[in-house]
């Protein structure tokens, strides 16, 4: 599901920014930032809507039909897990935007929170059009951390007993920490010290792998 809008006046060139929303229904439209090429991309298989109420209804109907959270749909199969096509789709969208003649060829930021933060780290790890990353409390980090007594980041697929041992073979392919080591551009991230959804230890597992200019913002009461 894709929403794209160019919030521009004139022919450019302009910087670009792509945003992936956090978990649940997603966004009914693009997040606009002045004279910037803006793209917002949801992660769902349904068509989406241009208003919040209809989007929430579609999301609820989809979840009911699916019978489980989309975040763990087929998580025991590397090639069928929900986020495989999400990652490939966002990667392709970034490449398409980078081919727009209005892009300034210098500034391409990806940002997002939680689920979107995970996508920001993952895509920055292998799409070389990205020039900077802002990943707020990124999810999907340190899936195997529970084996060492740490709490893994959302959606904690390793802890879902219905998948058995198969999940241990799949989880590393969708761990943002394993993409972070390939990042070569500046990264700004954050961690909430009482966050139980995206715990700080999981975020640091990814942050410590980044060998590029980086900064982490600590929020003790969130």
N, C-alpha and C. Protein backbone atom coordinates (compact mmCIF):
# COMPACT_ATOMS: atom_id res chain seq x y z
N UNK A 1 0.86 -1.18 0.00
CA UNK A 1 0.00 0.00 0.00
C UNK A 1 0.90 1.23 0.00
N UNK A 2 0.67 2.13 -0.93
CA UNK A 2 1.61 3.23 -1.16
C UNK A 2 0.88 4.55 -1.28
N UNK A 3 1.36 5.54 -0.57
CA UNK A 3 0.88 6.90 -0.75
C UNK A 3 2.08 7.76 -1.10
N UNK A 4 2.02 8.51 -2.16
CA UNK A 4 3.12 9.38 -2.54
C UNK A 4 2.58 10.76 -2.90
N UNK A 5 3.24 11.77 -2.44
CA UNK A 5 2.85 13.14 -2.78
C UNK A 5 4.10 13.99 -2.81
N UNK A 6 4.19 14.84 -3.80
CA UNK A 6 5.28 15.80 -3.87
C UNK A 6 4.79 17.14 -3.36
N UNK A 7 5.23 17.49 -2.19
CA UNK A 7 4.84 18.77 -1.62
C UNK A 7 5.82 19.83 -2.11
N UNK A 8 5.65 20.24 -3.38
CA UNK A 8 6.65 21.09 -3.99
C UNK A 8 6.00 22.21 -4.77
N UNK A 9 6.70 23.30 -4.88
CA UNK A 9 6.33 24.43 -5.74
C UNK A 9 7.50 24.70 -6.67
N UNK A 10 7.31 24.38 -7.94
CA UNK A 10 8.39 24.57 -8.89
C UNK A 10 8.98 23.25 -9.33
N UNK A 11 10.08 23.33 -10.02
CA UNK A 11 10.68 22.14 -10.63
C UNK A 11 11.81 21.54 -9.80
N UNK A 12 12.17 22.20 -8.72
CA UNK A 12 13.24 21.65 -7.90
C UNK A 12 14.61 22.15 -8.34
N UNK A 13 15.66 21.46 -7.91
CA UNK A 13 15.64 20.17 -7.22
C UNK A 13 15.26 20.28 -5.74
N UNK A 14 14.75 19.17 -5.19
CA UNK A 14 14.28 19.14 -3.81
C UNK A 14 14.82 17.93 -3.08
N UNK A 15 14.96 18.04 -1.75
CA UNK A 15 15.29 16.86 -0.95
C UNK A 15 14.10 15.91 -0.90
N UNK A 16 14.35 14.67 -0.50
CA UNK A 16 13.29 13.67 -0.42
C UNK A 16 13.29 13.04 0.96
N UNK A 17 12.10 12.61 1.38
CA UNK A 17 11.97 11.91 2.65
C UNK A 17 10.91 10.83 2.51
N UNK A 18 11.19 9.65 3.03
CA UNK A 18 10.23 8.55 3.04
C UNK A 18 9.97 8.16 4.48
N UNK A 19 8.71 7.92 4.79
CA UNK A 19 8.29 7.56 6.13
C UNK A 19 7.50 6.27 6.10
N UNK A 20 7.79 5.36 7.01
CA UNK A 20 6.98 4.18 7.23
C UNK A 20 6.34 4.34 8.61
N UNK A 21 5.01 4.30 8.70
CA UNK A 21 4.34 4.52 10.00
C UNK A 21 4.63 3.39 10.99
N UNK A 22 4.24 3.65 12.24
CA UNK A 22 4.33 2.62 13.27
C UNK A 22 3.29 1.54 13.05
N UNK A 23 3.23 0.59 13.98
CA UNK A 23 2.34 -0.56 13.83
C UNK A 23 0.88 -0.14 13.84
N UNK A 24 0.04 -1.09 13.47
CA UNK A 24 -1.42 -0.96 13.39
C UNK A 24 -1.84 -0.44 12.03
N UNK A 25 -2.84 0.42 11.97
CA UNK A 25 -3.52 0.73 10.71
C UNK A 25 -2.65 1.48 9.72
N UNK A 26 -1.73 2.30 10.19
CA UNK A 26 -0.90 3.08 9.29
C UNK A 26 -1.40 4.50 9.14
N UNK A 27 -1.04 5.13 8.04
CA UNK A 27 -1.38 6.54 7.82
C UNK A 27 -2.33 6.68 6.64
N UNK A 28 -3.34 7.56 6.75
CA UNK A 28 -4.26 7.78 5.63
C UNK A 28 -3.71 8.69 4.55
N UNK A 29 -2.51 9.17 4.70
CA UNK A 29 -1.93 10.05 3.70
C UNK A 29 -0.49 10.38 4.03
N UNK A 30 0.18 11.10 3.18
CA UNK A 30 1.60 11.40 3.38
C UNK A 30 1.83 12.45 4.46
N UNK A 31 2.97 12.35 5.12
CA UNK A 31 3.40 13.38 6.04
C UNK A 31 4.14 14.44 5.23
N UNK A 32 3.61 15.64 5.19
CA UNK A 32 4.17 16.67 4.33
C UNK A 32 5.20 17.51 5.05
N UNK A 33 6.29 17.84 4.36
CA UNK A 33 7.36 18.65 4.92
C UNK A 33 7.78 19.73 3.94
N UNK A 34 6.94 20.73 3.77
CA UNK A 34 7.31 21.87 2.95
C UNK A 34 7.65 21.50 1.52
N UNK A 35 8.63 22.19 0.97
CA UNK A 35 9.05 21.94 -0.41
C UNK A 35 9.98 20.74 -0.47
N UNK A 36 9.39 19.59 -0.27
CA UNK A 36 10.12 18.34 -0.18
C UNK A 36 9.35 17.25 -0.90
N UNK A 37 10.05 16.35 -1.55
CA UNK A 37 9.40 15.16 -2.11
C UNK A 37 9.10 14.22 -0.95
N UNK A 38 7.83 14.00 -0.68
CA UNK A 38 7.42 13.20 0.49
C UNK A 38 6.73 11.92 0.05
N UNK A 39 7.10 10.83 0.66
CA UNK A 39 6.46 9.55 0.40
C UNK A 39 6.19 8.87 1.73
N UNK A 40 4.97 8.42 1.92
CA UNK A 40 4.61 7.63 3.09
C UNK A 40 4.13 6.28 2.62
N UNK A 41 4.67 5.22 3.20
CA UNK A 41 4.34 3.88 2.73
C UNK A 41 3.89 3.00 3.89
N UNK A 42 2.64 2.54 3.82
CA UNK A 42 2.12 1.61 4.82
C UNK A 42 2.61 0.20 4.54
N UNK A 43 2.29 -0.72 5.44
CA UNK A 43 2.88 -2.06 5.36
C UNK A 43 1.84 -3.14 5.10
N UNK A 44 0.61 -2.77 4.76
CA UNK A 44 -0.47 -3.74 4.69
C UNK A 44 -0.81 -4.17 3.27
N UNK A 45 -1.56 -5.27 3.17
CA UNK A 45 -1.93 -5.83 1.89
C UNK A 45 -3.27 -5.30 1.39
N UNK A 46 -4.04 -4.65 2.25
CA UNK A 46 -5.32 -4.09 1.80
C UNK A 46 -5.10 -2.73 1.15
N UNK A 47 -6.11 -2.24 0.46
CA UNK A 47 -5.95 -1.06 -0.40
C UNK A 47 -5.66 0.22 0.36
N UNK A 48 -6.23 0.37 1.54
CA UNK A 48 -6.05 1.61 2.29
C UNK A 48 -7.10 2.63 1.95
N UNK A 49 -7.10 3.74 2.69
CA UNK A 49 -8.10 4.78 2.50
C UNK A 49 -7.49 6.13 2.80
N UNK A 50 -8.17 7.19 2.35
CA UNK A 50 -7.67 8.55 2.53
C UNK A 50 -8.22 9.22 3.78
N UNK A 51 -8.93 8.46 4.65
CA UNK A 51 -9.37 9.01 5.93
C UNK A 51 -9.14 7.96 7.02
N UNK A 52 -8.94 8.44 8.23
CA UNK A 52 -8.51 7.57 9.33
C UNK A 52 -9.55 6.52 9.68
N UNK A 53 -10.82 6.91 9.72
CA UNK A 53 -11.86 5.98 10.15
C UNK A 53 -12.00 4.80 9.19
N UNK A 54 -12.00 5.08 7.90
CA UNK A 54 -12.11 4.00 6.93
C UNK A 54 -10.85 3.12 6.96
N UNK A 55 -9.71 3.75 7.16
CA UNK A 55 -8.46 2.99 7.23
C UNK A 55 -8.49 2.04 8.43
N UNK A 56 -8.96 2.52 9.57
CA UNK A 56 -9.04 1.68 10.76
C UNK A 56 -10.01 0.52 10.55
N UNK A 57 -11.11 0.78 9.85
CA UNK A 57 -12.08 -0.28 9.58
C UNK A 57 -11.47 -1.35 8.68
N UNK A 58 -10.79 -0.92 7.64
CA UNK A 58 -10.13 -1.88 6.75
C UNK A 58 -9.10 -2.71 7.51
N UNK A 59 -8.39 -2.06 8.39
CA UNK A 59 -7.37 -2.74 9.18
C UNK A 59 -8.01 -3.79 10.09
N UNK A 60 -9.09 -3.40 10.78
CA UNK A 60 -9.77 -4.32 11.67
C UNK A 60 -10.33 -5.52 10.92
N UNK A 61 -10.93 -5.28 9.77
CA UNK A 61 -11.47 -6.37 8.95
C UNK A 61 -10.35 -7.30 8.48
N UNK A 62 -9.24 -6.71 8.10
CA UNK A 62 -8.11 -7.50 7.62
C UNK A 62 -7.55 -8.38 8.73
N UNK A 63 -7.41 -7.82 9.93
CA UNK A 63 -6.89 -8.58 11.06
C UNK A 63 -7.82 -9.73 11.42
N UNK A 64 -9.13 -9.48 11.37
CA UNK A 64 -10.10 -10.53 11.68
C UNK A 64 -9.99 -11.66 10.67
N UNK A 65 -9.88 -11.31 9.41
CA UNK A 65 -9.76 -12.32 8.36
C UNK A 65 -8.46 -13.09 8.49
N UNK A 66 -7.39 -12.40 8.86
CA UNK A 66 -6.09 -13.03 8.96
C UNK A 66 -6.03 -14.01 10.13
N UNK A 67 -6.71 -13.65 11.22
CA UNK A 67 -6.75 -14.53 12.38
C UNK A 67 -5.56 -14.42 13.30
N UNK A 68 -4.67 -13.50 13.02
CA UNK A 68 -3.52 -13.25 13.88
C UNK A 68 -3.01 -11.86 13.57
N UNK A 69 -2.08 -11.38 14.36
CA UNK A 69 -1.47 -10.09 14.05
C UNK A 69 -0.66 -10.20 12.77
N UNK A 70 -0.78 -9.21 11.90
CA UNK A 70 0.01 -9.22 10.67
C UNK A 70 1.50 -9.30 10.96
N UNK A 71 1.90 -8.82 12.12
CA UNK A 71 3.32 -8.75 12.46
C UNK A 71 3.95 -10.12 12.66
N UNK A 72 3.13 -11.16 12.83
CA UNK A 72 3.67 -12.52 12.98
C UNK A 72 3.12 -13.44 11.90
N UNK A 73 2.47 -12.90 10.90
CA UNK A 73 1.88 -13.72 9.84
C UNK A 73 2.97 -14.47 9.08
N UNK A 74 2.92 -15.79 9.16
CA UNK A 74 3.87 -16.69 8.49
C UNK A 74 5.32 -16.39 8.87
N UNK A 75 5.51 -16.07 10.13
CA UNK A 75 6.85 -15.71 10.59
C UNK A 75 7.79 -16.91 10.66
N UNK A 76 7.28 -18.09 10.47
CA UNK A 76 8.15 -19.27 10.46
C UNK A 76 8.65 -19.63 9.07
N UNK A 77 8.35 -18.76 8.10
CA UNK A 77 8.79 -19.01 6.72
C UNK A 77 9.51 -17.76 6.22
N UNK A 78 10.79 -17.89 5.97
CA UNK A 78 11.60 -16.73 5.58
C UNK A 78 11.06 -16.03 4.34
N UNK A 79 10.56 -16.79 3.38
CA UNK A 79 10.15 -16.21 2.10
C UNK A 79 8.69 -15.79 2.07
N UNK A 80 7.92 -16.13 3.12
CA UNK A 80 6.51 -15.77 3.16
C UNK A 80 6.15 -14.85 4.31
N UNK A 81 7.10 -14.60 5.19
CA UNK A 81 6.82 -13.72 6.34
C UNK A 81 6.34 -12.36 5.85
N UNK A 82 5.39 -11.80 6.56
CA UNK A 82 4.74 -10.55 6.15
C UNK A 82 5.74 -9.47 5.75
N UNK A 83 6.80 -9.30 6.51
CA UNK A 83 7.68 -8.16 6.29
C UNK A 83 8.63 -8.34 5.11
N UNK A 84 8.67 -9.51 4.51
CA UNK A 84 9.54 -9.67 3.34
C UNK A 84 9.11 -8.73 2.22
N UNK A 85 7.84 -8.79 1.84
CA UNK A 85 7.37 -7.94 0.76
C UNK A 85 7.32 -6.48 1.17
N UNK A 86 7.17 -6.22 2.46
CA UNK A 86 7.20 -4.84 2.95
C UNK A 86 8.58 -4.23 2.67
N UNK A 87 9.61 -4.93 3.09
CA UNK A 87 10.97 -4.43 2.90
C UNK A 87 11.29 -4.26 1.42
N UNK A 88 10.94 -5.25 0.62
CA UNK A 88 11.23 -5.16 -0.81
C UNK A 88 10.42 -4.04 -1.46
N UNK A 89 9.18 -3.85 -1.00
CA UNK A 89 8.34 -2.80 -1.57
C UNK A 89 8.85 -1.41 -1.24
N UNK A 90 9.25 -1.20 0.01
CA UNK A 90 9.78 0.11 0.40
C UNK A 90 11.10 0.37 -0.33
N UNK A 91 11.92 -0.66 -0.46
CA UNK A 91 13.18 -0.51 -1.18
C UNK A 91 12.93 -0.08 -2.62
N UNK A 92 11.96 -0.69 -3.27
CA UNK A 92 11.65 -0.34 -4.66
C UNK A 92 11.11 1.08 -4.74
N UNK A 93 10.28 1.47 -3.76
CA UNK A 93 9.73 2.83 -3.77
C UNK A 93 10.83 3.87 -3.63
N UNK A 94 11.80 3.59 -2.75
CA UNK A 94 12.93 4.51 -2.58
C UNK A 94 13.68 4.67 -3.90
N UNK A 95 13.93 3.57 -4.57
CA UNK A 95 14.65 3.61 -5.83
C UNK A 95 13.86 4.40 -6.89
N UNK A 96 12.54 4.24 -6.89
CA UNK A 96 11.71 4.98 -7.85
C UNK A 96 11.78 6.48 -7.58
N UNK A 97 11.68 6.87 -6.31
CA UNK A 97 11.76 8.30 -5.98
C UNK A 97 13.12 8.87 -6.37
N UNK A 98 14.17 8.06 -6.15
CA UNK A 98 15.53 8.52 -6.47
C UNK A 98 15.73 8.74 -7.96
N UNK A 99 14.84 8.21 -8.78
CA UNK A 99 14.93 8.40 -10.23
C UNK A 99 14.11 9.61 -10.71
N UNK A 100 13.41 10.25 -9.78
CA UNK A 100 12.63 11.43 -10.17
C UNK A 100 13.56 12.59 -10.51
N UNK A 101 13.30 13.30 -11.59
CA UNK A 101 14.18 14.41 -11.97
C UNK A 101 14.13 15.55 -10.96
N UNK A 102 13.07 15.61 -10.13
CA UNK A 102 12.96 16.69 -9.14
C UNK A 102 13.84 16.47 -7.92
N UNK A 103 14.32 15.24 -7.72
CA UNK A 103 15.16 14.98 -6.56
C UNK A 103 16.51 15.65 -6.72
N UNK A 104 17.05 16.18 -5.62
CA UNK A 104 18.29 16.95 -5.69
C UNK A 104 19.55 16.08 -5.73
N UNK A 105 19.39 14.76 -5.65
CA UNK A 105 20.51 13.81 -5.74
C UNK A 105 21.48 13.92 -4.56
N UNK A 106 21.08 14.63 -3.50
CA UNK A 106 21.97 14.82 -2.36
C UNK A 106 21.33 14.43 -1.03
N UNK A 107 20.03 14.71 -0.87
CA UNK A 107 19.39 14.55 0.43
C UNK A 107 18.19 13.61 0.32
N UNK A 108 18.32 12.43 0.92
CA UNK A 108 17.23 11.46 0.93
C UNK A 108 17.18 10.85 2.33
N UNK A 109 16.21 11.26 3.12
CA UNK A 109 16.09 10.84 4.51
C UNK A 109 14.99 9.78 4.63
N UNK A 110 15.21 8.80 5.46
CA UNK A 110 14.16 7.86 5.84
C UNK A 110 13.94 7.98 7.34
N UNK A 111 12.66 8.02 7.74
CA UNK A 111 12.39 8.13 9.16
C UNK A 111 11.17 7.29 9.53
N UNK A 112 10.98 7.09 10.83
CA UNK A 112 9.85 6.33 11.31
C UNK A 112 10.04 6.01 12.78
N UNK A 113 8.94 5.60 13.41
CA UNK A 113 8.96 5.24 14.82
C UNK A 113 8.52 3.80 15.00
N UNK A 114 9.16 3.10 15.92
CA UNK A 114 8.82 1.72 16.25
C UNK A 114 8.92 0.85 14.99
N UNK A 115 7.81 0.35 14.47
CA UNK A 115 7.86 -0.41 13.22
C UNK A 115 8.54 0.40 12.12
N UNK A 116 8.20 1.68 12.03
CA UNK A 116 8.83 2.54 11.03
C UNK A 116 10.31 2.75 11.30
N UNK A 117 10.68 2.78 12.57
CA UNK A 117 12.09 2.90 12.92
C UNK A 117 12.88 1.68 12.49
N UNK A 118 12.27 0.51 12.63
CA UNK A 118 12.91 -0.71 12.17
C UNK A 118 13.12 -0.67 10.67
N UNK A 119 12.08 -0.25 9.95
CA UNK A 119 12.20 -0.16 8.50
C UNK A 119 13.28 0.85 8.10
N UNK A 120 13.39 1.93 8.87
CA UNK A 120 14.41 2.94 8.58
C UNK A 120 15.81 2.35 8.67
N UNK A 121 16.07 1.60 9.75
CA UNK A 121 17.39 0.99 9.90
C UNK A 121 17.65 -0.07 8.83
N UNK A 122 16.65 -0.90 8.59
CA UNK A 122 16.81 -1.98 7.62
C UNK A 122 17.08 -1.43 6.22
N UNK A 123 16.26 -0.47 5.80
CA UNK A 123 16.43 0.07 4.44
C UNK A 123 17.72 0.87 4.29
N UNK A 124 18.11 1.57 5.34
CA UNK A 124 19.36 2.32 5.28
C UNK A 124 20.54 1.37 5.14
N UNK A 125 20.36 0.16 5.64
CA UNK A 125 21.44 -0.83 5.57
C UNK A 125 21.76 -1.30 4.18
N UNK A 126 20.79 -1.22 3.25
CA UNK A 126 21.13 -1.74 1.92
C UNK A 126 20.65 -0.91 0.74
N UNK A 127 19.91 0.18 0.97
CA UNK A 127 19.56 1.04 -0.17
C UNK A 127 20.48 2.26 -0.15
N UNK A 128 21.35 2.35 -1.12
CA UNK A 128 22.40 3.36 -1.13
C UNK A 128 21.91 4.74 -1.57
N UNK A 129 20.63 4.87 -1.86
CA UNK A 129 20.07 6.19 -2.14
C UNK A 129 19.83 6.98 -0.85
N UNK A 130 19.68 6.28 0.26
CA UNK A 130 19.43 6.93 1.54
C UNK A 130 20.69 7.65 2.01
N UNK A 131 20.53 8.91 2.42
CA UNK A 131 21.67 9.70 2.87
C UNK A 131 21.65 10.00 4.36
N UNK A 132 20.52 9.72 5.03
CA UNK A 132 20.42 9.92 6.47
C UNK A 132 19.23 9.16 6.99
N UNK A 133 19.30 8.74 8.25
CA UNK A 133 18.28 7.89 8.85
C UNK A 133 17.88 8.45 10.21
N UNK A 134 16.57 8.53 10.46
CA UNK A 134 16.05 8.90 11.78
C UNK A 134 15.13 7.78 12.24
N UNK A 135 15.58 6.98 13.19
CA UNK A 135 14.84 5.81 13.64
C UNK A 135 14.46 6.00 15.11
N UNK A 136 13.23 6.40 15.33
CA UNK A 136 12.74 6.63 16.70
C UNK A 136 12.29 5.31 17.31
N UNK A 137 12.84 4.99 18.48
CA UNK A 137 12.56 3.74 19.20
C UNK A 137 12.31 2.57 18.23
N UNK A 138 13.29 2.18 17.43
CA UNK A 138 13.08 1.16 16.41
C UNK A 138 12.70 -0.20 17.00
N UNK A 139 11.72 -0.84 16.39
CA UNK A 139 11.31 -2.19 16.74
C UNK A 139 12.16 -3.20 15.98
N UNK A 140 11.79 -4.49 16.10
CA UNK A 140 12.41 -5.57 15.32
C UNK A 140 13.92 -5.65 15.52
N UNK A 141 14.36 -5.38 16.73
CA UNK A 141 15.79 -5.45 17.04
C UNK A 141 16.04 -6.56 18.07
N UNK A 142 17.14 -7.27 17.88
CA UNK A 142 17.62 -8.24 18.87
C UNK A 142 16.61 -9.36 19.10
N UNK A 143 16.11 -9.95 18.02
CA UNK A 143 15.13 -11.02 18.15
C UNK A 143 15.61 -12.16 19.04
N UNK A 144 16.88 -12.45 18.98
CA UNK A 144 17.41 -13.55 19.77
C UNK A 144 17.90 -13.15 21.15
N UNK A 145 17.67 -11.91 21.53
CA UNK A 145 18.18 -11.42 22.81
C UNK A 145 17.64 -12.17 24.01
N UNK A 146 16.44 -12.72 23.88
CA UNK A 146 15.84 -13.41 25.03
C UNK A 146 16.68 -14.61 25.47
N UNK A 147 17.47 -15.16 24.54
CA UNK A 147 18.31 -16.30 24.89
C UNK A 147 19.41 -15.91 25.87
N UNK A 148 19.70 -14.61 25.92
CA UNK A 148 20.73 -14.10 26.84
C UNK A 148 20.12 -13.30 27.98
N UNK A 149 18.81 -13.47 28.16
CA UNK A 149 18.14 -12.80 29.27
C UNK A 149 17.69 -11.40 28.96
N UNK A 150 17.73 -10.99 27.66
CA UNK A 150 17.26 -9.66 27.29
C UNK A 150 15.88 -9.76 26.65
N UNK A 151 15.13 -8.66 26.71
CA UNK A 151 13.83 -8.63 26.06
C UNK A 151 13.99 -8.17 24.61
N UNK A 152 13.50 -8.95 23.70
CA UNK A 152 13.59 -8.61 22.29
C UNK A 152 12.61 -7.51 21.94
N UNK A 153 12.85 -6.84 20.82
CA UNK A 153 11.94 -5.79 20.38
C UNK A 153 10.70 -6.36 19.70
N UNK A 154 9.66 -5.53 19.65
CA UNK A 154 8.42 -5.91 18.94
C UNK A 154 8.75 -6.44 17.56
N UNK A 155 8.06 -7.46 17.07
CA UNK A 155 6.94 -8.19 17.67
C UNK A 155 7.34 -9.44 18.44
N UNK A 156 8.61 -9.53 18.82
CA UNK A 156 9.10 -10.63 19.65
C UNK A 156 8.74 -11.99 19.05
N UNK A 157 9.04 -12.16 17.78
CA UNK A 157 8.62 -13.37 17.09
C UNK A 157 9.27 -14.63 17.65
N UNK A 158 10.45 -14.51 18.22
CA UNK A 158 11.11 -15.69 18.79
C UNK A 158 10.36 -16.26 19.98
N UNK A 159 9.58 -15.42 20.66
CA UNK A 159 8.87 -15.87 21.85
C UNK A 159 7.51 -16.47 21.55
N UNK A 160 7.12 -16.50 20.28
CA UNK A 160 5.82 -17.05 19.90
C UNK A 160 5.96 -18.56 19.76
N UNK A 161 5.41 -19.30 20.73
CA UNK A 161 5.66 -20.73 20.83
C UNK A 161 5.07 -21.53 19.66
N UNK A 162 4.08 -20.97 18.96
CA UNK A 162 3.45 -21.75 17.89
C UNK A 162 4.38 -22.01 16.70
N UNK A 163 5.45 -21.24 16.61
CA UNK A 163 6.37 -21.39 15.49
C UNK A 163 7.46 -22.44 15.75
N UNK A 164 7.66 -22.80 16.98
CA UNK A 164 8.68 -23.79 17.29
C UNK A 164 10.08 -23.29 16.95
N UNK A 165 10.97 -24.23 16.67
CA UNK A 165 12.36 -23.88 16.40
C UNK A 165 12.56 -23.24 15.04
N UNK A 166 11.59 -23.35 14.15
CA UNK A 166 11.73 -22.78 12.81
C UNK A 166 11.98 -21.28 12.85
N UNK A 167 11.43 -20.63 13.86
CA UNK A 167 11.54 -19.17 13.92
C UNK A 167 12.98 -18.74 14.12
N UNK A 168 13.79 -19.58 14.76
CA UNK A 168 15.19 -19.22 14.98
C UNK A 168 15.97 -19.12 13.68
N UNK A 169 15.49 -19.80 12.64
CA UNK A 169 16.14 -19.73 11.34
C UNK A 169 15.67 -18.52 10.53
N UNK A 170 14.48 -18.02 10.86
CA UNK A 170 13.89 -16.91 10.11
C UNK A 170 14.24 -15.56 10.72
N UNK A 171 14.19 -15.48 12.04
CA UNK A 171 14.31 -14.21 12.74
C UNK A 171 15.53 -13.38 12.35
N UNK A 172 16.71 -13.96 12.17
CA UNK A 172 17.88 -13.13 11.84
C UNK A 172 17.74 -12.35 10.53
N UNK A 173 16.94 -12.86 9.61
CA UNK A 173 16.74 -12.16 8.33
C UNK A 173 15.90 -10.90 8.50
N UNK A 174 15.22 -10.77 9.65
CA UNK A 174 14.33 -9.64 9.88
C UNK A 174 14.71 -8.89 11.16
N UNK A 175 15.97 -8.97 11.51
CA UNK A 175 16.47 -8.29 12.70
C UNK A 175 17.21 -7.02 12.26
N UNK A 176 16.71 -5.87 12.68
CA UNK A 176 17.31 -4.61 12.26
C UNK A 176 18.78 -4.51 12.66
N UNK A 177 19.15 -5.20 13.72
CA UNK A 177 20.55 -5.16 14.16
C UNK A 177 21.47 -5.76 13.11
N UNK A 178 20.98 -6.72 12.35
CA UNK A 178 21.81 -7.36 11.33
C UNK A 178 21.96 -6.51 10.07
N UNK A 179 21.10 -5.51 9.92
CA UNK A 179 21.24 -4.56 8.81
C UNK A 179 22.06 -3.35 9.24
N UNK A 180 22.02 -3.03 10.53
CA UNK A 180 22.67 -1.82 11.02
C UNK A 180 24.16 -1.80 10.74
N UNK A 181 24.78 -2.98 10.72
CA UNK A 181 26.23 -3.04 10.50
C UNK A 181 26.63 -2.60 9.10
N UNK A 182 25.66 -2.53 8.18
CA UNK A 182 25.96 -2.11 6.81
C UNK A 182 25.66 -0.63 6.56
N UNK A 183 25.22 0.07 7.57
CA UNK A 183 24.88 1.49 7.41
C UNK A 183 26.16 2.32 7.31
N UNK A 184 26.16 3.24 6.35
CA UNK A 184 27.34 4.08 6.14
C UNK A 184 27.02 5.57 6.21
N UNK A 185 25.77 5.92 6.53
CA UNK A 185 25.35 7.32 6.57
C UNK A 185 24.91 7.68 7.99
N UNK A 186 24.78 8.98 8.30
CA UNK A 186 24.41 9.38 9.66
C UNK A 186 23.06 8.83 10.12
N UNK A 187 23.02 8.44 11.40
CA UNK A 187 21.82 7.87 12.00
C UNK A 187 21.51 8.59 13.30
N UNK A 188 20.26 8.98 13.46
CA UNK A 188 19.75 9.51 14.73
C UNK A 188 18.69 8.54 15.22
N UNK A 189 18.84 8.06 16.44
CA UNK A 189 17.86 7.14 17.00
C UNK A 189 17.56 7.52 18.44
N UNK A 190 16.65 6.78 19.07
CA UNK A 190 16.27 7.09 20.45
C UNK A 190 15.85 5.82 21.16
N UNK A 191 15.86 5.89 22.49
CA UNK A 191 15.44 4.76 23.32
C UNK A 191 14.71 5.28 24.54
N UNK A 192 13.57 4.68 24.83
CA UNK A 192 12.82 5.00 26.04
C UNK A 192 13.18 4.01 27.13
N UNK A 193 13.60 4.48 28.26
CA UNK A 193 14.14 3.60 29.29
C UNK A 193 13.07 2.74 29.98
N UNK A 194 11.79 3.10 29.85
CA UNK A 194 10.74 2.26 30.43
C UNK A 194 9.84 1.69 29.32
N UNK A 195 10.35 1.67 28.12
CA UNK A 195 9.61 1.15 26.97
C UNK A 195 9.68 -0.38 26.99
N UNK A 196 8.53 -1.04 27.09
CA UNK A 196 8.50 -2.50 27.10
C UNK A 196 8.20 -3.08 25.72
N UNK A 197 7.82 -2.22 24.77
CA UNK A 197 7.54 -2.68 23.41
C UNK A 197 8.83 -2.73 22.59
N UNK A 198 9.57 -1.66 22.66
CA UNK A 198 10.88 -1.59 22.01
C UNK A 198 11.91 -1.28 23.10
N UNK A 199 12.26 -2.25 23.92
CA UNK A 199 13.12 -2.00 25.08
C UNK A 199 14.49 -1.46 24.68
N UNK A 200 15.08 -0.64 25.55
CA UNK A 200 16.36 0.00 25.20
C UNK A 200 17.48 -0.99 24.89
N UNK A 201 17.49 -2.14 25.56
CA UNK A 201 18.56 -3.11 25.28
C UNK A 201 18.50 -3.60 23.84
N UNK A 202 17.28 -3.76 23.32
CA UNK A 202 17.15 -4.22 21.93
C UNK A 202 17.63 -3.15 20.96
N UNK A 203 17.32 -1.89 21.29
CA UNK A 203 17.75 -0.78 20.43
C UNK A 203 19.27 -0.65 20.44
N UNK A 204 19.87 -0.82 21.60
CA UNK A 204 21.33 -0.75 21.67
C UNK A 204 21.99 -1.89 20.91
N UNK A 205 21.33 -3.03 20.83
CA UNK A 205 21.89 -4.13 20.05
C UNK A 205 22.08 -3.73 18.60
N UNK A 206 21.16 -2.90 18.10
CA UNK A 206 21.30 -2.39 16.73
C UNK A 206 22.24 -1.19 16.68
N UNK A 207 22.09 -0.28 17.62
CA UNK A 207 22.90 0.95 17.64
C UNK A 207 24.38 0.64 17.70
N UNK A 208 24.75 -0.35 18.49
CA UNK A 208 26.17 -0.69 18.65
C UNK A 208 26.78 -1.28 17.39
N UNK A 209 25.94 -1.72 16.46
CA UNK A 209 26.45 -2.29 15.20
C UNK A 209 26.70 -1.22 14.14
N UNK A 210 26.24 -0.01 14.37
CA UNK A 210 26.37 1.05 13.37
C UNK A 210 27.79 1.61 13.37
N UNK A 211 28.47 1.50 12.25
CA UNK A 211 29.83 2.04 12.12
C UNK A 211 29.80 3.27 11.22
N UNK A 212 29.00 4.23 11.61
CA UNK A 212 28.84 5.48 10.86
C UNK A 212 28.52 6.56 11.88
N UNK A 213 28.55 7.84 11.50
CA UNK A 213 28.16 8.90 12.44
C UNK A 213 26.78 8.60 13.03
N UNK A 214 26.68 8.64 14.36
CA UNK A 214 25.43 8.25 14.98
C UNK A 214 25.23 8.98 16.30
N UNK A 215 23.96 9.08 16.69
CA UNK A 215 23.61 9.66 17.96
C UNK A 215 22.33 9.02 18.46
N UNK A 216 22.28 8.78 19.76
CA UNK A 216 21.09 8.19 20.36
C UNK A 216 20.57 9.13 21.44
N UNK A 217 19.28 9.35 21.44
CA UNK A 217 18.63 10.21 22.43
C UNK A 217 17.99 9.33 23.49
N UNK A 218 18.31 9.57 24.75
CA UNK A 218 17.76 8.79 25.84
C UNK A 218 16.57 9.50 26.46
N UNK A 219 15.48 8.78 26.62
CA UNK A 219 14.26 9.35 27.21
C UNK A 219 13.93 8.51 28.44
N UNK A 220 14.35 8.93 29.64
CA UNK A 220 14.23 8.09 30.84
C UNK A 220 12.80 7.75 31.24
N UNK A 221 11.84 8.63 30.96
CA UNK A 221 10.48 8.43 31.46
C UNK A 221 9.51 7.96 30.39
N UNK A 222 10.01 7.49 29.27
CA UNK A 222 9.15 6.97 28.21
C UNK A 222 9.64 5.61 27.75
